[in-house]
C-alpha atoms as a PDB file:
ATOM      1  CA  MET A   1     117.299  81.712  99.878  1.00  0.00           C
ATOM      2  CA  ASP A   2     114.902  84.567  99.476  1.00  0.00           C
ATOM      3  CA  ILE A   3     114.706  87.390  96.912  1.00  0.00           C
ATOM      4  CA  THR A   4     116.936  89.780  98.876  1.00  0.00           C
ATOM      5  CA  ASP A   5     119.742  87.205  98.895  1.00  0.00           C
ATOM      6  CA  ILE A   6     119.444  86.755  95.120  1.00  0.00           C
ATOM      7  CA  ILE A   7     119.475  90.535  94.605  1.00  0.00           C
ATOM      8  CA  MET A   8     122.535  90.803  96.859  1.00  0.00           C
ATOM      9  CA  ILE A   9     124.380  88.112  94.871  1.00  0.00           C
ATOM     10  CA  PHE A  10     123.597  89.903  91.567  1.00  0.00           C
ATOM     11  CA  ALA A  11     124.669  93.221  93.068  1.00  0.00           C
ATOM     12  CA  VAL A  12     127.983  91.751  94.246  1.00  0.00           C
ATOM     13  CA  PHE A  13     128.739  90.298  90.809  1.00  0.00           C
ATOM     14  CA  LEU A  14     127.202  92.915  88.521  1.00  0.00           C
ATOM     15  CA  GLY A  15     128.088  96.031  90.544  1.00  0.00           C
ATOM     16  CA  PRO A  16     131.795  96.058  89.583  1.00  0.00           C
ATOM     17  CA  ILE A  17     130.981  95.248  85.955  1.00  0.00           C
ATOM     18  CA  PHE A  18     128.536  98.163  85.759  1.00  0.00           C
ATOM     19  CA  ALA A  19     131.023 100.449  87.518  1.00  0.00           C
ATOM     20  CA  VAL A  20     133.761  99.615  84.994  1.00  0.00           C
ATOM     21  CA  GLN A  21     131.387 100.104  82.055  1.00  0.00           C
ATOM     22  CA  ILE A  22     130.228 103.448  83.398  1.00  0.00           C
ATOM     23  CA  GLN A  23     133.845 104.509  83.947  1.00  0.00           C
ATOM     24  CA  LYS A  24     134.750 103.527  80.357  1.00  0.00           C
ATOM     25  CA  TYR A  25     131.768 105.439  79.020  1.00  0.00           C
ATOM     26  CA  LEU A  26     132.742 108.554  80.984  1.00  0.00           C
ATOM     27  CA  GLU A  27     136.365 108.287  79.765  1.00  0.00           C
ATOM     28  CA  ILE A  28     135.218 108.042  76.144  1.00  0.00           C
ATOM     29  CA  LYS A  29     132.971 111.101  76.582  1.00  0.00           C
ATOM     30  CA  ARG A  30     135.801 113.048  78.286  1.00  0.00           C
ATOM     31  CA  GLU A  31     138.278 112.109  75.546  1.00  0.00           C
ATOM     32  CA  SER A  32     135.807 113.155  72.850  1.00  0.00           C
ATOM     33  CA  ARG A  33     135.237 116.522  74.531  1.00  0.00           C
ATOM     34  CA  ASN A  34     138.982 117.039  74.958  1.00  0.00           C
ATOM     35  CA  ARG A  35     139.549 116.439  71.224  1.00  0.00           C
ATOM     36  CA  LYS A  36     136.826 118.959  70.385  1.00  0.00           C
ATOM     37  CA  LEU A  37     138.335 121.452  72.810  1.00  0.00           C
ATOM     38  CA  TYR A  38     141.770 120.916  71.257  1.00  0.00           C
ATOM     39  CA  ILE A  39     140.394 121.678  67.797  1.00  0.00           C
ATOM     40  CA  PHE A  40     138.560 124.762  69.056  1.00  0.00           C
ATOM     41  CA  HIS A  41     141.562 126.041  71.043  1.00  0.00           C
ATOM     42  CA  THR A  42     143.848 125.515  68.055  1.00  0.00           C
ATOM     43  CA  LEU A  43     141.504 127.343  65.700  1.00  0.00           C
ATOM     44  CA  MET A  44     141.100 130.168  68.197  1.00  0.00           C
ATOM     45  CA  SER A  45     144.840 130.544  68.723  1.00  0.00           C
ATOM     46  CA  THR A  46     145.582 130.449  64.982  1.00  0.00           C
ATOM     47  CA  ARG A  47     142.637 132.464  63.659  1.00  0.00           C
ATOM     48  CA  ALA A  48     144.992 135.304  62.721  1.00  0.00           C
ATOM     49  CA  THR A  49     147.361 132.891  60.940  1.00  0.00           C
ATOM     50  CA  THR A  50     145.032 130.743  58.881  1.00  0.00           C
ATOM     51  CA  LEU A  51     147.852 129.461  56.682  1.00  0.00           C
ATOM     52  CA  SER A  52     149.645 127.858  59.626  1.00  0.00           C
ATOM     53  CA  GLN A  53     149.873 124.085  59.578  1.00  0.00           C
ATOM     54  CA  ASN A  54     148.231 123.813  63.008  1.00  0.00           C
ATOM     55  CA  HIS A  55     145.215 125.768  61.771  1.00  0.00           C
ATOM     56  CA  VAL A  56     144.830 123.619  58.659  1.00  0.00           C
ATOM     57  CA  THR A  57     145.236 120.409  60.681  1.00  0.00           C
ATOM     58  CA  ALA A  58     142.567 121.512  63.160  1.00  0.00           C
ATOM     59  CA  LEU A  59     140.179 122.353  60.325  1.00  0.00           C
ATOM     60  CA  ASN A  60     140.699 118.915  58.824  1.00  0.00           C
ATOM     61  CA  MET A  61     139.881 117.273  62.177  1.00  0.00           C
ATOM     62  CA  ILE A  62     136.418 118.861  62.395  1.00  0.00           C
ATOM     63  CA  ASP A  63     134.739 116.173  60.274  1.00  0.00           C
ATOM     64  CA  ILE A  64     136.092 113.475  62.586  1.00  0.00           C
ATOM     65  CA  ASP A  65     135.390 114.908  66.013  1.00  0.00           C
ATOM     66  CA  PHE A  66     132.286 117.023  65.412  1.00  0.00           C
ATOM     67  CA  TYR A  67     130.553 114.561  63.087  1.00  0.00           C
ATOM     68  CA  ARG A  68     127.466 114.329  65.307  1.00  0.00           C
ATOM     69  CA  ASN A  69     126.979 118.076  65.581  1.00  0.00           C
ATOM     70  CA  LYS A  70     125.151 119.129  62.425  1.00  0.00           C
ATOM     71  CA  LYS A  71     125.460 122.876  63.066  1.00  0.00           C
ATOM     72  CA  VAL A  72     129.255 122.715  63.329  1.00  0.00           C
ATOM     73  CA  ILE A  73     129.526 120.428  60.301  1.00  0.00           C
ATOM     74  CA  VAL A  74     127.308 122.726  58.187  1.00  0.00           C
ATOM     75  CA  ALA A  75     129.324 125.816  59.202  1.00  0.00           C
ATOM     76  CA  TRP A  76     132.562 123.951  58.391  1.00  0.00           C
ATOM     77  CA  ARG A  77     131.300 122.777  54.989  1.00  0.00           C
ATOM     78  CA  ILE A  78     130.231 126.291  54.015  1.00  0.00           C
ATOM     79  CA  TYR A  79     133.635 127.660  55.045  1.00  0.00           C
ATOM     80  CA  TYR A  80     135.451 124.796  53.311  1.00  0.00           C
ATOM     81  CA  ASP A  81     133.482 125.342  50.105  1.00  0.00           C
ATOM     82  CA  HIS A  82     134.394 129.019  50.120  1.00  0.00           C
ATOM     83  CA  LEU A  83     138.075 128.294  50.767  1.00  0.00           C
ATOM     84  CA  ASN A  84     138.169 126.124  47.672  1.00  0.00           C
ATOM     85  CA  SER A  85     136.139 128.288  45.321  1.00  0.00           C
ATOM     86  CA  GLN A  86     137.819 131.603  44.601  1.00  0.00           C
ATOM     87  CA  SER A  87     136.720 132.668  41.147  1.00  0.00           C
ATOM     88  CA  SER A  88     138.918 134.726  38.859  1.00  0.00           C
ATOM     89  CA  ASN A  89     136.226 137.431  38.776  1.00  0.00           C
ATOM     90  CA  GLU A  90     136.178 137.819  42.542  1.00  0.00           C
ATOM     91  CA  SER A  91     138.638 140.215  44.105  1.00  0.00           C
ATOM     92  CA  ILE A  92     141.053 138.743  46.613  1.00  0.00           C
ATOM     93  CA  ILE A  93     139.943 141.335  49.182  1.00  0.00           C
ATOM     94  CA  ALA A  94     136.260 140.367  48.943  1.00  0.00           C
ATOM     95  CA  TRP A  95     137.167 136.674  49.014  1.00  0.00           C
ATOM     96  CA  SER A  96     139.394 137.170  52.090  1.00  0.00           C
ATOM     97  CA  GLU A  97     136.709 139.157  53.918  1.00  0.00           C
ATOM     98  CA  LYS A  98     134.210 136.373  53.266  1.00  0.00           C
ATOM     99  CA  CYS A  99     136.766 133.858  54.600  1.00  0.00           C
ATOM    100  CA  VAL A 100     137.023 135.801  57.850  1.00  0.00           C
ATOM    101  CA  GLU A 101     133.236 136.037  58.123  1.00  0.00           C
ATOM    102  CA  LEU A 102     132.796 132.284  57.592  1.00  0.00           C
ATOM    103  CA  LEU A 103     135.622 131.373  59.987  1.00  0.00           C
ATOM    104  CA  VAL A 104     134.014 133.555  62.655  1.00  0.00           C
ATOM    105  CA  GLU A 105     130.684 131.817  62.030  1.00  0.00           C
ATOM    106  CA  LEU A 106     132.369 128.420  62.398  1.00  0.00           C
ATOM    107  CA  LEU A 107     134.123 129.455  65.620  1.00  0.00           C
ATOM    108  CA  TYR A 108     130.903 130.941  66.980  1.00  0.00           C
ATOM    109  CA  THR A 109     128.999 127.716  66.282  1.00  0.00           C
ATOM    110  CA  MET A 110     131.742 125.653  67.909  1.00  0.00           C
ATOM    111  CA  ALA A 111     131.878 127.998  70.913  1.00  0.00           C
ATOM    112  CA  LYS A 112     128.135 127.658  71.464  1.00  0.00           C
ATOM    113  CA  TYR A 113     128.358 123.871  71.261  1.00  0.00           C
ATOM    114  CA  LEU A 114     131.292 123.812  73.725  1.00  0.00           C
ATOM    115  CA  GLU A 115     129.450 126.244  76.026  1.00  0.00           C
ATOM    116  CA  TYR A 116     131.784 129.218  75.611  1.00  0.00           C
ATOM    117  CA  ASP A 117     130.174 132.639  75.721  1.00  0.00           C
ATOM    118  CA  PHE A 118     131.938 134.486  72.882  1.00  0.00           C
ATOM    119  CA  ASP A 119     130.294 137.017  70.638  1.00  0.00           C
ATOM    120  CA  LYS A 120     131.175 137.294  66.959  1.00  0.00           C
ATOM    121  CA  VAL A 121     132.991 140.610  67.370  1.00  0.00           C
ATOM    122  CA  GLN A 122     135.248 139.098  70.019  1.00  0.00           C
ATOM    123  CA  LEU A 123     135.974 136.112  67.777  1.00  0.00           C
ATOM    124  CA  LYS A 124     136.788 138.365  64.826  1.00  0.00           C
ATOM    125  CA  ARG A 125     138.798 141.087  66.516  1.00  0.00           C
ATOM    126  CA  GLY A 126     139.909 139.545  69.799  1.00  0.00           C
ATOM    127  CA  CYS A 127     143.269 138.211  68.662  1.00  0.00           C
ATOM    128  CA  TYR A 128     146.737 139.726  68.498  1.00  0.00           C
ATOM    129  CA  ARG A 129     148.916 139.534  65.397  1.00  0.00           C
ATOM    130  CA  PRO A 130     152.002 141.738  65.231  1.00  0.00           C
ATOM    131  CA  MET A 131     152.557 143.636  61.972  1.00  0.00           C
ATOM    132  CA  GLY A 132     156.043 142.121  61.892  1.00  0.00           C
ATOM    133  CA  HIS A 133     154.510 138.709  61.249  1.00  0.00           C
ATOM    134  CA  ASP A 134     152.829 140.057  58.115  1.00  0.00           C
ATOM    135  CA  ASP A 135     156.146 141.534  56.976  1.00  0.00           C
ATOM    136  CA  ILE A 136     157.978 138.259  57.555  1.00  0.00           C
ATOM    137  CA  GLU A 137     155.341 136.228  55.709  1.00  0.00           C
ATOM    138  CA  SER A 138     155.353 138.690  52.826  1.00  0.00           C
ATOM    139  CA  ASP A 139     159.154 138.530  52.568  1.00  0.00           C
ATOM    140  CA  GLN A 140     159.111 134.728  52.731  1.00  0.00           C
ATOM    141  CA  ARG A 141     156.509 134.612  49.963  1.00  0.00           C
ATOM    142  CA  LYS A 142     158.633 136.921  47.778  1.00  0.00           C
ATOM    143  CA  ILE A 143     161.758 134.833  48.378  1.00  0.00           C
ATOM    144  CA  LEU A 144     159.984 131.580  47.554  1.00  0.00           C
ATOM    145  CA  LYS A 145     158.398 133.001  44.406  1.00  0.00           C
ATOM    146  CA  GLY A 146     161.738 134.466  43.301  1.00  0.00           C
ATOM    147  CA  LEU A 147     163.603 131.214  43.882  1.00  0.00           C
ATOM    148  CA  THR A 148     160.891 129.245  42.124  1.00  0.00           C
ATOM    149  CA  SER A 149     161.028 131.488  39.069  1.00  0.00           C
ATOM    150  CA  ILE A 150     164.828 131.143  38.952  1.00  0.00           C
ATOM    151  CA  LEU A 151     164.714 127.362  39.350  1.00  0.00           C
ATOM    152  CA  ASP A 152     161.984 127.103  36.714  1.00  0.00           C
ATOM    153  CA  GLY A 153     164.172 129.069  34.319  1.00  0.00           C
ATOM    154  CA  LYS A 154     161.768 131.997  34.073  1.00  0.00           C
ATOM    155  CA  ASN A 155     164.204 134.493  35.620  1.00  0.00           C
ATOM    156  CA  ALA A 156     167.966 134.780  35.889  1.00  0.00           C
ATOM    157  CA  ILE A 157     170.205 135.678  38.802  1.00  0.00           C
ATOM    158  CA  PRO A 158     171.455 139.238  38.385  1.00  0.00           C
ATOM    159  CA  ILE A 159     175.226 139.559  38.841  1.00  0.00           C
ATOM    160  CA  ILE A 160     176.810 142.929  39.572  1.00  0.00           C
ATOM    161  CA  PHE A 161     180.508 143.598  39.001  1.00  0.00           C
ATOM    162  CA  LYS A 162     181.745 146.640  40.872  1.00  0.00           C
ATOM    163  CA  SER A 163     184.974 148.464  40.323  1.00  0.00           C
ATOM    164  CA  GLU A 164     187.106 149.920  43.090  1.00  0.00           C
ATOM    165  CA  HIS A 165     185.411 153.282  42.618  1.00  0.00           C
ATOM    166  CA  GLY A 166     181.944 151.903  43.391  1.00  0.00           C
ATOM    167  CA  LEU A 167     180.709 152.033  39.820  1.00  0.00           C
ATOM    168  CA  GLY A 168     179.547 148.818  38.334  1.00  0.00           C
ATOM    169  CA  GLU A 169     177.633 147.143  35.607  1.00  0.00           C
ATOM    170  CA  THR A 170     174.844 144.608  36.003  1.00  0.00           C
ATOM    171  CA  TYR A 171     174.811 141.411  34.008  1.00  0.00           C
ATOM    172  CA  GLU A 172     172.187 138.711  33.952  1.00  0.00           C
ATOM    173  CA  VAL A 173     173.063 135.070  33.593  1.00  0.00           C
ATOM    174  CA  GLN A 174     170.940 133.716  30.773  1.00  0.00           C
ATOM    175  CA  ASN A 175     169.552 130.204  30.340  1.00  0.00           C
ATOM    176  CA  PHE A 176     170.051 129.310  33.989  1.00  0.00           C
ATOM    177  CA  LYS A 177     168.837 125.787  34.749  1.00  0.00           C
END
């Protein structure tokens, strides 16, 4: 047996093992990229509704799936720190504007890493959010706050008794709990 026969025997035995290992490696890389793309797509599609559960979930997945990309992690940590640090002195408008700026920076950093060619203006303004959604969210917030104040005993349910002639008096139920 000469050297070519020995090489052929190794190739016959080791070739399939190497092929399987390479295939596993490629699958792991593909799965990792798909998770990153899912996070990015979710954040892009919910960037106008940052209170949505999908948006929050995607943000919380960044540490897991982008842990090796320092630029994305730094942008996320800066945004996260700002989200959790509104001071009483700071106006809600200024705080909200800074939130948008930092989210755009995070999305821009992620887009560069994932090889998307978005500019910051497109990331900030390139999404559609109907005004009706704002109205619905505002109404839902009012309803929840009102119900909470009633259930906490801070407010009462107003009751109106009307006569047949349309005139009526308003009474409030006191000590409702």
